[in-house]
Amino acid sequence: MVTPLAPPGVPLYTLLTVSLILAFAFLGLRGIWDPDEGRYTNVALTMLDTGNWLDPMRNEDTGHWTKPPLTYWLIAASVATFGQTPWAARLPVALAYLACIALAWVCARRLVRPAAGWVPLVYATMFLPVCAAQLITTDFLLSAFQLLAMAGFIVHRFPNTQERTQPWGLLVMYIGFGLAFLTKGPPALLPVLALLLLRWRCPHPVPASPLWHLAGVVLFLGIALPWYAVVGTRHAGLWEYFLGAELVDRVASDRFGRNGQWYGWLAVYGPTLLLGTAPWTIGLLRWGKEVPAMLRAAFRTDPAKAPVEPGALLLALWILVPLLIFCLSRSRLPLYVLPLFAPIAIAIVSSWSARRWPSLSWLWVWIGFILALRFAAAYFPTHKDASAWASMLEQRSHAPVREVIFVEDMARYGLHLHLDVEIERVARELAPQARFNPSYDESLWDEIKETGLEDGLVYVTKQDLWPEVERVVREHGFVARPLGERYQGRVIFEVTHPPGVPGPPPKNAFR
């Protein structure tokens, strides 16, 4: 159903209402879901527990170096301010979602002026952004900082008709890229490739003084590099790890098991783009049909003969250049392309030119559907829900839980927020491991020796590993005693002294 609107517009109160509802409705209703939400909240809470805000740690002994620290800092600051709840942990992501809505409007005012008011509404209601708005990862924060950078560039490159060029936008661009780099490292700079291609084919008619770029580079380096310099100095070999495992291996290999098959790009990003842009997917397809001809015109031998509007070329490059790199990389996940959804929203609205404009009435049905999904997700039984695990452990433990040790099982780091406990992952026998981000914190026996048989220690292992785990504990002279029935295919147990021994031996008895 469509209704002509002349001139096209979206009431501000409608946009604000939709944005706030989708950002905050049921924000804290669902427990923390492992692995992603648990991993990020755990590192942030460990920063609060230890006072060490420089070294991301998954517990007091083991570092977690897969991402730079800005996401952890924001989560930790939110939890310290508003309390140790899922709502507080998710607040930075919800605010990033709102920031993207506002910045999408800033960009749209200069790229699709007649219909700019529709862009934030389209972005706010697309399926992938609205789902990711309450999921704790680095991707929405990265999206917000990248979009800040692109908004700064667009304000400089595409001033309104009544404005002169705005070179200060370049400073905003460099600040945005600096914050994005501190959020996810080198992938944050992918839009820069699109900007370089735009400059090659459509140079700025009034280029800014090089001094603006020099000042911007200083700002970028001052934001992005100090943390890397400090931790690289504190931990020998860390820079090599960042460049090798976290950059080269993620791009060129399937080391991390992220859909590295030759067809993985299509299996991951095809559905993500088609379903993630719902209910506006037809607009994306319509825009996509026009892009090949525009690119052919833009990349003729003589740029002066390319009858291409710079804003349209920027939009295409902003979407397609990072997408091409994501497809070529062998590490592929749906949320990697989340930063592309702001330019996609602009592209969708640009495809509506000279057409009838959507009615707002059906959109409330879509929003109701999204809210129903969120409510259902909060009560959906899943082994990933750390709040359900927390309730179960509290009921079964004979003493307040102080630490949860997972034996060759996925560590449920979300328990750190729900139970305020330390989480460790141990192996029956410890083989040589990578120095940074090892799979296990230590061996099961080393954990027992370190902690002794103190109250409040709970162990978890998979049901099929239970006989072997029980044997290892028994061979060291102790007893692995189940705490209740199996739970989610796992055995919950404690390690205690054998029958007839008067009490737990002190820690020094293990030395």
Protein backbone atom coordinates (compact mmCIF):
# COMPACT_ATOMS: atom_id res chain seq x y z
CA MET A 1 0.00 0.00 0.00
CA VAL A 2 1.48 3.36 -1.02
CA THR A 3 0.23 6.90 -0.68
CA PRO A 4 1.59 9.91 -2.57
CA LEU A 5 3.27 12.47 -0.33
CA ALA A 6 4.13 15.87 -1.72
CA PRO A 7 6.58 17.00 -0.63
CA PRO A 8 7.82 13.73 0.92
CA GLY A 9 8.48 13.93 4.61
CA VAL A 10 8.38 12.11 7.90
CA PRO A 11 7.06 13.91 11.01
CA LEU A 12 9.82 14.40 13.55
CA TYR A 13 7.69 13.07 16.39
CA THR A 14 7.11 9.87 14.41
CA LEU A 15 10.81 9.37 13.83
CA LEU A 16 11.64 10.05 17.48
CA THR A 17 8.91 7.73 18.73
CA VAL A 18 9.93 4.88 16.44
CA SER A 19 13.63 5.30 17.21
CA LEU A 20 13.23 5.39 20.99
CA ILE A 21 10.83 2.46 21.05
CA LEU A 22 13.11 0.30 18.92
CA ALA A 23 16.21 1.31 20.87
CA PHE A 24 14.94 0.77 24.41
CA ALA A 25 11.88 -1.50 24.37
CA PHE A 26 12.75 -4.72 26.28
CA LEU A 27 16.42 -3.69 26.39
CA GLY A 28 17.05 -5.48 29.69
CA LEU A 29 14.36 -8.14 29.56
CA ARG A 30 16.52 -10.82 27.95
CA GLY A 31 19.44 -12.34 29.83
CA ILE A 32 22.96 -12.17 28.44
CA TRP A 33 23.41 -14.62 25.58
CA ASP A 34 26.68 -16.45 25.11
CA PRO A 35 29.06 -16.53 23.44
CA ASP A 36 29.27 -12.98 22.06
CA GLU A 37 27.36 -10.97 24.66
CA GLY A 38 28.94 -12.95 27.46
CA ARG A 39 32.45 -12.48 26.12
CA TYR A 40 32.20 -8.69 25.80
CA THR A 41 30.48 -8.12 29.14
CA ASN A 42 32.92 -10.45 30.89
CA VAL A 43 35.98 -8.52 29.71
CA ALA A 44 34.34 -5.21 30.66
CA LEU A 45 33.42 -6.49 34.13
CA THR A 46 36.93 -7.88 34.62
CA MET A 47 38.23 -4.37 33.96
CA LEU A 48 35.96 -3.09 36.72
CA ASP A 49 36.92 -5.92 39.08
CA THR A 50 40.69 -5.58 38.62
CA GLY A 51 41.03 -1.87 37.91
CA ASN A 52 43.13 -2.75 34.84
CA TRP A 53 41.57 -0.83 31.93
CA LEU A 54 44.50 -1.32 29.57
CA ASP A 55 44.70 -5.10 29.21
CA PRO A 56 41.47 -6.82 28.10
CA MET A 57 41.29 -9.95 30.28
CA ARG A 58 38.81 -12.81 30.35
CA ASN A 59 39.83 -13.47 33.96
CA GLU A 60 42.63 -12.35 36.26
CA ASP A 61 45.22 -14.55 34.53
CA THR A 62 44.32 -14.76 30.82
CA GLY A 63 44.19 -11.94 28.29
CA HIS A 64 41.55 -11.48 25.60
CA TRP A 65 43.19 -9.71 22.66
CA THR A 66 40.74 -10.21 19.79
CA LYS A 67 39.51 -6.59 19.80
CA PRO A 68 40.77 -3.15 20.88
CA PRO A 69 39.33 -1.86 24.15
CA LEU A 70 36.81 0.88 23.31
CA THR A 71 33.77 -1.43 23.38
CA TYR A 72 34.84 -2.84 26.76
CA TRP A 73 35.43 0.65 28.14
CA LEU A 74 31.95 1.83 27.16
CA ILE A 75 30.25 -1.26 28.60
CA ALA A 76 32.27 -0.98 31.82
CA ALA A 77 31.45 2.71 32.16
CA SER A 78 27.74 2.02 31.63
CA VAL A 79 27.69 -0.81 34.17
CA ALA A 80 29.63 1.27 36.69
CA THR A 81 27.08 4.07 36.26
CA PHE A 82 23.78 2.19 36.04
CA GLY A 83 24.46 -1.12 37.76
CA GLN A 84 25.38 -4.67 36.81
CA THR A 85 22.36 -5.50 34.65
CA PRO A 86 21.76 -6.57 31.05
CA TRP A 87 20.10 -3.19 30.46
CA ALA A 88 23.26 -1.30 31.41
CA ALA A 89 25.50 -3.65 29.45
CA ARG A 90 23.42 -3.13 26.28
CA LEU A 91 22.99 0.62 26.69
CA PRO A 92 26.10 1.60 24.64
CA VAL A 93 24.85 -0.46 21.70
CA ALA A 94 21.36 1.06 21.89
CA LEU A 95 22.88 4.55 21.95
CA ALA A 96 25.07 3.66 18.97
CA TYR A 97 21.90 2.64 17.11
CA LEU A 98 20.34 6.04 17.86
CA ALA A 99 23.55 7.79 16.80
CA CYS A 100 23.48 5.95 13.47
CA ILE A 101 19.89 7.08 12.89
CA ALA A 102 20.87 10.71 13.45
CA LEU A 103 24.07 10.49 11.39
CA ALA A 104 22.23 8.78 8.53
CA TRP A 105 19.99 11.85 8.40
CA VAL A 106 23.04 14.16 8.34
CA CYS A 107 24.44 12.25 5.37
CA ALA A 108 21.10 12.05 3.59
CA ARG A 109 20.54 15.82 3.77
CA ARG A 110 23.44 16.22 1.36
CA LEU A 111 23.08 13.10 -0.78
CA VAL A 112 19.28 12.77 -1.25
CA ARG A 113 18.03 16.20 -0.24
CA PRO A 114 14.35 15.98 -1.26
CA ALA A 115 13.76 12.78 0.69
CA ALA A 116 16.32 12.99 3.48
CA GLY A 117 13.69 12.65 6.20
CA TRP A 118 12.89 9.11 5.09
CA VAL A 119 16.43 7.79 5.44
CA PRO A 120 16.59 7.65 9.26
CA LEU A 121 13.18 5.96 9.35
CA VAL A 122 14.24 3.36 6.79
CA TYR A 123 17.47 2.71 8.66
CA ALA A 124 15.76 2.51 12.05
CA THR A 125 13.29 -0.11 10.87
CA MET A 126 15.49 -2.38 8.74
CA PHE A 127 15.60 -5.89 10.16
CA LEU A 128 19.34 -6.29 10.74
CA PRO A 129 19.98 -2.93 12.43
CA VAL A 130 16.89 -3.21 14.61
CA CYS A 131 17.91 -6.72 15.74
CA ALA A 132 21.55 -5.78 16.30
CA ALA A 133 20.49 -2.70 18.32
CA GLN A 134 20.11 -4.90 21.41
CA LEU A 135 22.96 -7.33 20.82
CA ILE A 136 26.28 -6.69 22.53
CA THR A 137 29.04 -6.79 19.92
CA THR A 138 31.55 -4.32 18.52
CA ASP A 139 29.64 -3.96 15.27
CA PHE A 140 27.13 -1.24 16.13
CA LEU A 141 29.74 0.88 17.85
CA LEU A 142 31.96 0.43 14.80
CA SER A 143 29.01 1.42 12.60
CA ALA A 144 28.42 4.60 14.60
CA PHE A 145 32.05 5.72 14.52
CA GLN A 146 32.47 4.89 10.83
CA LEU A 147 29.28 6.76 10.07
CA LEU A 148 30.53 9.73 12.09
CA ALA A 149 33.65 9.74 9.92
CA MET A 150 31.65 9.51 6.69
CA ALA A 151 29.25 12.23 7.85
CA GLY A 152 32.23 14.51 8.46
CA PHE A 153 33.53 13.83 4.96
CA ILE A 154 30.11 14.33 3.37
CA VAL A 155 29.57 17.65 5.18
CA HIS A 156 32.91 18.78 3.74
CA ARG A 157 32.50 17.35 0.23
CA PHE A 158 28.79 18.06 -0.32
CA PRO A 159 27.85 21.36 1.36
CA ASN A 160 24.30 22.62 1.15
CA THR A 161 23.69 25.14 -1.60
CA GLN A 162 23.75 28.05 0.84
CA GLU A 163 26.96 26.87 2.51
CA ARG A 164 30.57 27.28 1.60
CA THR A 165 32.83 24.26 1.80
CA GLN A 166 33.25 23.00 5.36
CA PRO A 167 36.85 21.83 5.88
CA TRP A 168 36.22 21.22 9.58
CA GLY A 169 34.27 18.17 8.44
CA LEU A 170 37.63 16.57 7.68
CA LEU A 171 38.56 16.79 11.36
CA VAL A 172 35.32 15.01 12.25
CA MET A 173 36.19 12.36 9.66
CA TYR A 174 39.61 11.68 11.18
CA ILE A 175 38.19 11.60 14.72
CA GLY A 176 35.52 9.13 13.62
CA PHE A 177 38.03 6.83 11.98
CA GLY A 178 40.25 7.05 15.07
CA LEU A 179 37.40 5.93 17.33
CA ALA A 180 36.45 3.21 14.85
CA PHE A 181 40.05 1.95 14.79
CA LEU A 182 40.04 1.79 18.59
CA THR A 183 36.86 -0.28 18.32
CA LYS A 184 37.83 -2.90 15.74
CA GLY A 185 41.26 -2.14 14.34
CA PRO A 186 42.14 -2.03 10.61
CA PRO A 187 38.68 -3.10 9.28
CA ALA A 188 37.47 0.29 10.53
CA LEU A 189 39.34 1.96 7.65
CA LEU A 190 37.64 0.12 4.78
CA PRO A 191 35.54 3.19 3.78
CA VAL A 192 38.79 5.07 3.17
CA LEU A 193 39.29 2.97 0.03
CA ALA A 194 35.94 4.20 -1.27
CA LEU A 195 36.92 7.80 -0.53
CA LEU A 196 40.19 7.41 -2.43
CA LEU A 197 38.36 6.05 -5.48
CA LEU A 198 35.90 8.92 -5.30
CA ARG A 199 38.74 11.42 -5.17
CA TRP A 200 40.31 9.78 -8.22
CA ARG A 201 37.16 9.86 -10.35
CA CYS A 202 35.44 12.96 -8.93
CA PRO A 203 38.01 15.32 -7.36
CA HIS A 204 36.72 17.98 -4.99
CA PRO A 205 36.20 21.22 -6.93
CA VAL A 206 37.52 23.22 -3.94
CA PRO A 207 40.05 20.99 -2.15
CA ALA A 208 40.85 21.76 1.45
CA SER A 209 44.24 23.01 2.55
CA PRO A 210 46.72 20.20 3.35
CA LEU A 211 46.92 21.66 6.85
CA TRP A 212 43.41 20.36 7.57
CA HIS A 213 44.51 16.86 6.61
CA LEU A 214 47.69 17.19 8.65
CA ALA A 215 45.69 18.23 11.72
CA GLY A 216 43.28 15.35 11.05
CA VAL A 217 46.07 12.79 10.83
CA VAL A 218 47.42 14.03 14.16
CA LEU A 219 43.97 13.60 15.70
CA PHE A 220 43.61 10.12 14.24
CA LEU A 221 46.99 8.98 15.51
CA GLY A 222 46.35 10.54 18.92
CA ILE A 223 43.12 8.56 19.28
CA ALA A 224 43.93 5.29 17.54
CA LEU A 225 47.53 4.44 18.39
CA PRO A 226 48.38 5.17 22.07
CA TRP A 227 46.64 2.04 23.38
CA TYR A 228 48.38 -0.16 20.80
CA ALA A 229 51.73 1.41 21.67
CA VAL A 230 51.27 0.89 25.40
CA VAL A 231 50.06 -2.72 25.32
CA GLY A 232 52.58 -3.60 22.61
CA THR A 233 55.34 -2.38 24.90
CA ARG A 234 53.91 -4.19 27.92
CA HIS A 235 53.46 -7.52 26.11
CA ALA A 236 56.28 -8.60 23.82
CA GLY A 237 55.03 -10.20 20.61
CA LEU A 238 51.55 -8.64 20.80
CA TRP A 239 51.97 -6.49 17.70
CA GLU A 240 52.98 -9.57 15.70
CA TYR A 241 49.87 -11.33 17.01
CA PHE A 242 47.64 -8.41 15.95
CA LEU A 243 49.11 -8.31 12.46
CA GLY A 244 49.34 -12.08 12.02
CA ALA A 245 46.37 -13.77 13.68
CA GLU A 246 43.90 -10.90 13.92
CA LEU A 247 44.53 -9.38 10.50
CA VAL A 248 46.26 -11.66 8.00
CA ASP A 249 44.81 -14.95 9.26
CA ARG A 250 41.26 -13.59 9.45
CA VAL A 251 41.47 -12.34 5.87
CA ALA A 252 43.49 -15.10 4.20
CA SER A 253 42.55 -18.27 6.11
CA ASP A 254 39.68 -20.06 7.79
CA ARG A 255 41.61 -20.40 11.03
CA PHE A 256 38.68 -19.10 13.07
CA GLY A 257 35.97 -21.12 11.32
CA ARG A 258 34.04 -18.13 9.98
CA ASN A 259 32.45 -19.51 6.80
CA GLY A 260 35.68 -19.70 4.86
CA GLN A 261 34.37 -21.99 2.11
CA TRP A 262 34.56 -20.67 -1.45
CA TYR A 263 30.79 -20.11 -1.41
CA GLY A 264 30.73 -18.69 2.13
CA TRP A 265 30.39 -15.10 0.94
CA LEU A 266 27.14 -15.90 -0.86
CA ALA A 267 25.74 -18.08 1.92
CA VAL A 268 26.37 -15.39 4.55
CA TYR A 269 25.99 -12.02 2.86
CA GLY A 270 23.23 -12.91 0.39
CA PRO A 271 20.60 -13.65 3.05
CA THR A 272 21.98 -10.90 5.30
CA LEU A 273 21.41 -8.23 2.67
CA LEU A 274 18.08 -9.54 1.42
CA LEU A 275 16.51 -10.30 4.80
CA GLY A 276 18.41 -7.66 6.75
CA THR A 277 16.98 -4.83 4.64
CA ALA A 278 13.38 -5.98 5.11
CA PRO A 279 10.82 -4.45 4.80
CA TRP A 280 12.64 -2.21 2.31
CA THR A 281 14.41 -4.89 0.24
CA ILE A 282 12.69 -4.01 -3.04
CA GLY A 283 14.25 -0.55 -2.87
CA LEU A 284 17.72 -2.09 -2.53
CA LEU A 285 17.12 -4.34 -5.55
CA ARG A 286 15.83 -1.38 -7.58
CA TRP A 287 18.93 0.64 -6.70
CA GLY A 288 21.18 -2.30 -7.48
CA LYS A 289 19.82 -2.53 -11.03
CA GLU A 290 21.00 1.02 -11.72
CA VAL A 291 24.50 0.68 -10.29
CA PRO A 292 26.33 -1.23 -13.08
CA ALA A 293 25.57 1.43 -15.70
CA MET A 294 26.58 4.21 -13.35
CA LEU A 295 29.89 2.52 -12.52
CA ARG A 296 30.65 1.92 -16.19
CA ALA A 297 30.14 5.60 -16.82
CA ALA A 298 32.20 6.63 -13.82
CA PHE A 299 35.23 4.53 -14.69
CA ARG A 300 35.65 5.53 -18.30
CA THR A 301 39.17 6.32 -19.37
CA ASP A 302 38.62 10.06 -19.19
CA PRO A 303 37.06 11.05 -15.86
CA ALA A 304 36.04 14.40 -17.31
CA LYS A 305 33.64 12.59 -19.65
CA ALA A 306 31.99 10.60 -16.87
CA PRO A 307 28.48 12.08 -16.47
CA VAL A 308 28.17 10.79 -12.90
CA GLU A 309 26.86 12.70 -9.94
CA PRO A 310 29.57 12.52 -7.20
CA GLY A 311 27.05 11.73 -4.46
CA ALA A 312 25.68 8.74 -6.36
CA LEU A 313 29.20 7.46 -7.01
CA LEU A 314 30.15 7.87 -3.34
CA LEU A 315 27.08 5.90 -2.31
CA ALA A 316 27.92 3.02 -4.64
CA LEU A 317 31.58 2.91 -3.62
CA TRP A 318 30.72 3.20 0.08
CA ILE A 319 28.60 0.06 -0.18
CA LEU A 320 30.39 -2.01 -2.80
CA VAL A 321 34.08 -1.58 -1.95
CA PRO A 322 33.83 -2.86 1.65
CA LEU A 323 31.35 -5.52 0.55
CA LEU A 324 33.81 -6.80 -2.06
CA ILE A 325 36.54 -7.04 0.58
CA PHE A 326 34.22 -8.84 2.98
CA CYS A 327 33.40 -11.33 0.24
CA LEU A 328 37.07 -11.93 -0.61
CA SER A 329 38.02 -12.36 3.03
CA ARG A 330 37.69 -15.89 4.38
CA SER A 331 36.31 -14.69 7.71
CA ARG A 332 32.63 -13.94 7.15
CA LEU A 333 29.81 -13.21 9.60
CA PRO A 334 26.49 -11.42 9.05
CA LEU A 335 27.22 -8.49 11.37
CA TYR A 336 30.43 -7.63 9.51
CA VAL A 337 28.29 -5.80 6.95
CA LEU A 338 26.23 -3.88 9.52
CA PRO A 339 28.19 -0.63 8.85
CA LEU A 340 26.95 -0.78 5.23
CA PHE A 341 23.30 -0.46 6.22
CA ALA A 342 23.40 3.32 6.64
CA PRO A 343 24.48 3.91 3.03
CA ILE A 344 22.09 1.15 1.99
CA ALA A 345 19.24 3.10 3.62
CA ILE A 346 20.27 6.18 1.64
CA ALA A 347 20.47 4.09 -1.55
CA ILE A 348 16.98 2.68 -0.95
CA VAL A 349 15.46 6.12 -0.55
CA SER A 350 17.37 7.41 -3.60
CA SER A 351 15.62 4.71 -5.65
CA TRP A 352 12.26 6.26 -4.80
CA SER A 353 12.83 9.38 -6.88
CA ALA A 354 9.85 10.26 -9.04
CA ARG A 355 7.84 7.47 -7.41
CA ARG A 356 5.05 7.36 -4.89
CA TRP A 357 6.15 7.40 -1.29
CA PRO A 358 5.37 4.73 1.30
CA SER A 359 2.59 5.14 3.79
CA LEU A 360 3.49 5.13 7.47
CA SER A 361 0.42 3.20 8.58
CA TRP A 362 1.71 -0.31 7.79
CA LEU A 363 5.02 0.47 9.47
CA TRP A 364 3.44 0.19 12.92
CA VAL A 365 2.51 -3.40 12.12
CA TRP A 366 6.15 -4.10 11.30
CA ILE A 367 7.30 -2.44 14.54
CA GLY A 368 4.78 -4.52 16.48
CA PHE A 369 6.23 -7.63 14.84
CA ILE A 370 9.77 -6.62 15.88
CA LEU A 371 8.69 -6.00 19.47
CA ALA A 372 6.89 -9.35 19.58
CA LEU A 373 10.10 -11.07 18.41
CA ARG A 374 12.09 -9.36 21.16
CA PHE A 375 9.60 -10.34 23.81
CA ALA A 376 9.57 -13.93 22.59
CA ALA A 377 13.38 -14.06 22.50
CA ALA A 378 13.52 -13.08 26.18
CA TYR A 379 11.58 -16.23 27.10
CA PHE A 380 12.84 -18.54 24.38
CA PRO A 381 14.53 -21.57 25.98
CA THR A 382 18.12 -21.68 24.76
CA HIS A 383 21.37 -23.03 26.15
CA LYS A 384 22.91 -19.63 25.36
CA ASP A 385 20.90 -17.78 28.05
CA ALA A 386 23.30 -17.03 30.91
CA SER A 387 20.46 -15.90 33.20
CA ALA A 388 18.94 -19.40 33.06
CA TRP A 389 22.32 -20.92 33.84
CA ALA A 390 22.73 -18.53 36.75
CA SER A 391 19.37 -19.51 38.28
CA MET A 392 20.20 -23.19 37.91
CA LEU A 393 23.65 -22.86 39.52
CA GLU A 394 22.32 -20.85 42.44
CA GLN A 395 19.73 -23.54 43.14
CA ARG A 396 22.21 -26.42 43.02
CA SER A 397 25.25 -25.02 44.77
CA HIS A 398 25.51 -25.61 48.52
CA ALA A 399 27.22 -22.24 48.99
CA PRO A 400 27.17 -18.89 47.18
CA VAL A 401 28.82 -19.44 43.80
CA ARG A 402 32.22 -17.76 43.60
CA GLU A 403 33.69 -19.28 40.46
CA VAL A 404 32.45 -21.43 37.58
CA ILE A 405 34.96 -23.67 35.79
CA PHE A 406 34.08 -25.15 32.39
CA VAL A 407 35.98 -28.32 31.55
CA GLU A 408 36.50 -28.52 27.77
CA ASP A 409 33.17 -26.81 27.16
CA MET A 410 32.13 -23.38 25.90
CA ALA A 411 32.64 -20.96 28.77
CA ARG A 412 29.43 -19.15 29.71
CA TYR A 413 31.01 -15.77 30.32
CA GLY A 414 27.58 -14.17 30.71
CA LEU A 415 27.53 -15.68 34.20
CA HIS A 416 29.97 -13.00 35.26
CA LEU A 417 27.25 -10.38 34.95
CA HIS A 418 24.40 -12.49 36.35
CA LEU A 419 26.28 -14.09 39.27
CA ASP A 420 29.22 -11.69 39.69
CA VAL A 421 31.65 -14.63 39.55
CA GLU A 422 34.90 -15.43 37.78
CA ILE A 423 34.72 -17.79 34.80
CA GLU A 424 37.49 -20.13 33.70
CA ARG A 425 37.88 -22.72 30.96
CA VAL A 426 40.17 -25.65 31.66
CA ALA A 427 41.33 -28.83 29.93
CA ARG A 428 41.70 -32.33 31.32
CA GLU A 429 45.32 -32.25 30.20
CA LEU A 430 46.89 -29.09 28.87
CA ALA A 431 48.68 -29.27 25.52
CA PRO A 432 50.93 -26.45 24.24
CA GLN A 433 48.82 -23.39 23.39
CA ALA A 434 49.08 -20.04 21.67
CA ARG A 435 50.55 -17.35 23.87
CA PHE A 436 47.76 -14.86 23.18
CA ASN A 437 44.12 -15.92 23.45
CA PRO A 438 44.82 -19.55 24.42
CA SER A 439 41.92 -21.95 24.25
CA TYR A 440 42.21 -22.88 27.93
CA ASP A 441 43.25 -20.99 31.04
CA GLU A 442 44.97 -24.01 32.61
CA SER A 443 44.52 -27.73 33.27
CA LEU A 444 41.80 -29.14 35.49
CA TRP A 445 44.35 -30.37 38.02
CA ASP A 446 46.14 -27.00 38.09
CA GLU A 447 42.80 -25.34 38.80
CA ILE A 448 42.13 -27.72 41.68
CA LYS A 449 45.62 -27.14 43.08
CA GLU A 450 45.24 -23.39 42.77
CA THR A 451 41.85 -23.07 44.44
CA GLY A 452 41.84 -26.01 46.82
CA LEU A 453 38.49 -27.51 47.76
CA GLU A 454 36.85 -24.22 48.68
CA ASP A 455 33.14 -23.65 48.89
CA GLY A 456 31.41 -21.99 45.96
CA LEU A 457 33.43 -23.59 43.15
CA VAL A 458 31.22 -25.19 40.52
CA TYR A 459 32.42 -27.23 37.54
CA VAL A 460 30.65 -27.89 34.24
CA THR A 461 31.44 -30.41 31.52
CA LYS A 462 29.69 -32.06 28.60
CA GLN A 463 27.83 -35.25 29.39
CA ASP A 464 29.92 -37.36 27.03
CA LEU A 465 33.14 -36.14 28.69
CA TRP A 466 31.90 -36.81 32.20
CA PRO A 467 33.35 -40.33 32.63
CA GLU A 468 36.81 -39.14 31.60
CA VAL A 469 36.64 -36.00 33.76
CA GLU A 470 35.52 -38.07 36.73
CA ARG A 471 38.43 -40.44 36.16
CA VAL A 472 40.98 -37.59 36.07
CA VAL A 473 39.69 -36.18 39.36
CA ARG A 474 39.63 -39.60 41.00
CA GLU A 475 43.19 -40.39 39.91
CA HIS A 476 44.35 -37.34 41.84
CA GLY A 477 42.68 -38.60 44.98
CA PHE A 478 39.46 -36.57 44.96
CA VAL A 479 35.81 -37.01 44.07
CA ALA A 480 33.78 -35.29 41.35
CA ARG A 481 30.24 -35.19 42.74
CA PRO A 482 27.31 -34.24 40.45
CA LEU A 483 25.02 -31.47 41.63
CA GLY A 484 21.62 -32.60 40.47
CA GLU A 485 20.47 -33.90 37.11
CA ARG A 486 21.97 -33.20 33.72
CA TYR A 487 21.36 -29.69 32.41
CA GLN A 488 21.48 -28.77 28.70
CA GLY A 489 23.54 -31.90 28.03
CA ARG A 490 26.02 -30.96 30.77
CA VAL A 491 27.02 -32.38 34.11
CA ILE A 492 27.23 -29.83 36.92
CA PHE A 493 29.58 -31.00 39.66
CA GLU A 494 31.84 -30.06 42.52
CA VAL A 495 35.22 -31.49 43.49
CA THR A 496 35.37 -32.68 47.06
CA HIS A 497 37.43 -34.87 49.37
CA PRO A 498 36.90 -38.64 49.35
CA PRO A 499 34.52 -40.27 51.86
CA GLY A 500 36.18 -40.73 55.24
CA VAL A 501 38.49 -37.71 54.90
CA PRO A 502 37.54 -35.28 57.68
CA GLY A 503 37.54 -32.11 55.61
CA PRO A 504 38.92 -30.23 52.62
CA PRO A 505 42.72 -30.18 52.69
CA PRO A 506 44.26 -26.73 52.72
CA LYS A 507 45.70 -25.33 49.52
CA ASN A 508 49.28 -26.04 50.56
CA ALA A 509 48.41 -29.74 50.70
CA PHE A 510 48.49 -29.78 46.92
CA ARG A 511 52.05 -28.51 46.71
